[in-house]
Amino acid sequence: MKRFFFIVSILSAFCMGYAFNAVKNDTIEPPIKRVTGIGGIFFKCKDPKKMRAWYATHLGLNTNEYGAVFEWYQGADSTKKGFSQWSPFNEKTSYFQPSEKDFMINYRVENLEYLVAELKKEGVNVLDEIETFDYGKFVHIMDIEGNKIELWQPNDVVYENLGKSIGAKTTK
């Protein structure tokens, strides 16, 4: 009889542990998205002013002193605006360093602090500390081929208002 209760106790403990883990696992939130879209395309050129004018004339971009901003609506919430920046930089800029490439891509992310912590655990080369501005948070990383990447956790409402405050029009 002792053996029977011992086996029942072991089985009960096992089942209780399984049930607890099943309930516990149901409450775990899904992992946060890493990249949610393109935040911007930056490239070097001989004369950024002429380049902005050429794109405005021939491709219809609404340019300003920084380039152009593309306005779109987010797929997850079609009432919420999103923005992507297009910017030509002077060919002598040091902003893309330590990369020697003539371009840099900016990716929109959902939670920059979380992502940076994960990237560091994974051995990704994080180049700087997170910088925070009213219109979002930024950090730079390097990929395995030496391309500098900018990660941006945007505040789209503030970003849009900033553009409006300088009289910039978006390209839709």
Protein backbone atom coordinates (compact mmCIF):
# COMPACT_ATOMS: atom_id res chain seq x y z
CA MET A 1 0.00 0.00 0.00
CA LYS A 2 2.89 2.39 0.78
CA ARG A 3 4.28 1.72 -2.67
CA PHE A 4 0.91 2.59 -4.27
CA PHE A 5 0.74 5.97 -2.43
CA PHE A 6 4.39 6.64 -3.28
CA ILE A 7 3.72 6.11 -7.01
CA VAL A 8 0.50 8.16 -6.86
CA SER A 9 2.43 10.95 -5.06
CA ILE A 10 5.17 10.96 -7.70
CA LEU A 11 2.63 10.97 -10.54
CA SER A 12 0.64 13.75 -8.86
CA ALA A 13 3.76 15.87 -8.39
CA PHE A 14 4.73 15.30 -12.02
CA CYS A 15 1.24 16.20 -13.26
CA MET A 16 1.09 19.27 -11.02
CA GLY A 17 4.48 20.40 -12.31
CA TYR A 18 3.37 19.86 -15.90
CA ALA A 19 0.13 21.76 -15.31
CA PHE A 20 1.99 24.60 -13.61
CA ASN A 21 4.43 24.87 -16.51
CA ALA A 22 1.59 24.78 -19.04
CA VAL A 23 -0.19 27.64 -17.26
CA LYS A 24 3.09 29.51 -16.81
CA ASN A 25 3.97 29.12 -20.51
CA ASP A 26 0.55 30.42 -21.56
CA THR A 27 1.26 33.71 -19.81
CA ILE A 28 4.66 34.30 -21.42
CA GLU A 29 4.47 37.16 -23.85
CA PRO A 30 5.64 36.52 -27.40
CA PRO A 31 9.11 37.87 -28.15
CA ILE A 32 9.29 41.52 -29.11
CA LYS A 33 9.77 42.16 -32.81
CA ARG A 34 13.25 43.17 -33.75
CA VAL A 35 13.08 45.17 -37.00
CA THR A 36 9.66 46.47 -38.03
CA GLY A 37 10.58 48.30 -41.25
CA ILE A 38 12.98 50.58 -43.07
CA GLY A 39 13.56 53.83 -41.22
CA GLY A 40 15.80 55.39 -43.81
CA ILE A 41 18.30 55.10 -46.62
CA PHE A 42 21.42 57.24 -46.40
CA PHE A 43 24.08 57.46 -49.12
CA LYS A 44 27.16 59.47 -50.02
CA CYS A 45 27.30 61.71 -53.08
CA LYS A 46 29.42 64.56 -54.43
CA ASP A 47 26.79 67.30 -54.05
CA PRO A 48 23.83 66.55 -51.75
CA LYS A 49 22.06 69.81 -52.68
CA LYS A 50 22.13 68.99 -56.41
CA MET A 51 21.15 65.39 -55.67
CA ARG A 52 18.08 66.51 -53.68
CA ALA A 53 17.10 68.88 -56.51
CA TRP A 54 17.52 66.15 -59.14
CA TYR A 55 15.28 63.73 -57.20
CA ALA A 56 12.71 66.47 -56.62
CA THR A 57 12.62 67.42 -60.32
CA HIS A 58 12.78 63.99 -61.90
CA LEU A 59 11.23 61.65 -59.35
CA GLY A 60 8.88 64.01 -57.53
CA LEU A 61 10.36 63.71 -54.03
CA ASN A 62 9.38 66.50 -51.64
CA THR A 63 12.90 67.35 -50.50
CA ASN A 64 14.19 69.55 -47.71
CA GLU A 65 17.64 70.29 -46.33
CA TYR A 66 17.88 66.75 -44.90
CA GLY A 67 16.60 64.81 -47.91
CA ALA A 68 13.03 63.53 -48.14
CA VAL A 69 10.56 61.88 -45.79
CA PHE A 70 8.24 59.15 -47.03
CA GLU A 71 4.92 59.00 -45.21
CA TRP A 72 2.96 55.76 -45.00
CA TYR A 73 0.48 53.99 -42.75
CA GLN A 74 1.53 51.13 -40.52
CA GLY A 75 0.22 47.68 -41.37
CA ALA A 76 -0.45 46.68 -37.76
CA ASP A 77 -2.55 49.82 -37.22
CA SER A 78 -3.67 51.41 -40.48
CA THR A 79 -4.68 54.61 -38.67
CA LYS A 80 -1.12 55.18 -37.44
CA LYS A 81 1.39 57.01 -39.65
CA GLY A 82 4.97 55.90 -40.14
CA PHE A 83 7.91 57.64 -41.76
CA SER A 84 11.09 56.69 -43.60
CA GLN A 85 13.94 59.12 -44.26
CA TRP A 86 15.90 59.38 -47.53
CA SER A 87 19.11 61.39 -47.19
CA PRO A 88 22.06 62.10 -49.46
CA PHE A 89 25.23 62.91 -47.49
CA ASN A 90 28.40 64.62 -48.65
CA GLU A 91 30.91 62.05 -49.91
CA LYS A 92 33.39 63.17 -47.23
CA THR A 93 31.03 62.55 -44.29
CA SER A 94 32.39 60.60 -41.35
CA TYR A 95 28.88 59.68 -40.19
CA PHE A 96 29.07 56.21 -41.76
CA GLN A 97 32.39 55.36 -40.06
CA PRO A 98 33.81 52.94 -39.14
CA SER A 99 32.17 51.51 -42.28
CA GLU A 100 33.89 52.40 -45.52
CA LYS A 101 30.70 51.87 -47.51
CA ASP A 102 28.89 54.64 -49.36
CA PHE A 103 25.52 53.89 -47.79
CA MET A 104 23.84 53.17 -44.48
CA ILE A 105 20.41 51.72 -43.82
CA ASN A 106 18.29 52.78 -40.86
CA TYR A 107 15.89 50.15 -39.54
CA ARG A 108 12.82 50.90 -37.42
CA VAL A 109 12.62 48.80 -34.24
CA GLU A 110 10.00 48.31 -31.58
CA ASN A 111 12.07 48.27 -28.35
CA LEU A 112 15.65 49.46 -28.74
CA GLU A 113 16.84 48.72 -25.18
CA TYR A 114 15.64 45.12 -25.39
CA LEU A 115 17.10 44.65 -28.88
CA VAL A 116 20.51 46.07 -27.95
CA ALA A 117 20.70 43.77 -24.92
CA GLU A 118 19.87 40.78 -27.14
CA LEU A 119 22.36 41.84 -29.82
CA LYS A 120 25.13 42.18 -27.23
CA LYS A 121 24.36 38.67 -25.93
CA GLU A 122 24.61 37.43 -29.51
CA GLY A 123 28.03 39.03 -29.99
CA VAL A 124 26.92 41.77 -32.41
CA ASN A 125 29.26 44.78 -32.56
CA VAL A 126 27.26 47.63 -30.98
CA LEU A 127 29.20 50.79 -31.84
CA ASP A 128 27.78 53.32 -29.42
CA GLU A 129 25.34 53.93 -26.61
CA ILE A 130 21.65 54.53 -27.22
CA GLU A 131 20.94 58.21 -27.87
CA THR A 132 17.50 59.55 -27.03
CA PHE A 133 15.79 62.48 -28.75
CA ASP A 134 12.17 63.62 -28.70
CA TYR A 135 11.59 61.92 -32.07
CA GLY A 136 13.15 58.59 -31.11
CA LYS A 137 16.06 56.54 -29.87
CA PHE A 138 19.10 55.56 -31.96
CA VAL A 139 22.07 53.23 -31.84
CA HIS A 140 24.55 51.96 -34.44
CA ILE A 141 25.78 48.42 -35.08
CA MET A 142 28.00 46.73 -37.66
CA ASP A 143 26.98 43.73 -39.72
CA ILE A 144 29.38 40.91 -40.62
CA GLU A 145 30.56 42.64 -43.82
CA GLY A 146 31.37 46.01 -42.24
CA ASN A 147 28.13 47.83 -43.05
CA LYS A 148 27.16 50.35 -40.42
CA ILE A 149 23.47 50.05 -39.53
CA GLU A 150 21.39 52.59 -37.66
CA LEU A 151 18.58 51.28 -35.45
CA TRP A 152 15.75 53.70 -34.66
CA GLN A 153 12.90 53.36 -32.21
CA PRO A 154 10.76 56.18 -33.61
CA ASN A 155 8.28 58.49 -31.99
CA ASP A 156 6.33 59.11 -35.20
CA VAL A 157 4.04 61.77 -33.73
CA VAL A 158 6.96 63.96 -32.62
CA TYR A 159 8.85 63.21 -35.86
CA GLU A 160 5.89 64.39 -37.93
CA ASN A 161 5.49 67.55 -35.83
CA LEU A 162 9.22 68.29 -36.17
CA GLY A 163 8.90 68.10 -39.96
CA LYS A 164 5.87 70.38 -39.91
CA SER A 165 7.73 72.89 -37.73
CA ILE A 166 10.41 73.34 -40.42
CA GLY A 167 7.83 73.45 -43.22
CA ALA A 168 8.86 70.08 -44.66
CA LYS A 169 6.38 68.18 -46.80
CA THR A 170 6.35 64.41 -46.92
CA THR A 171 6.41 62.29 -50.06
CA LYS A 172 3.29 60.11 -50.12
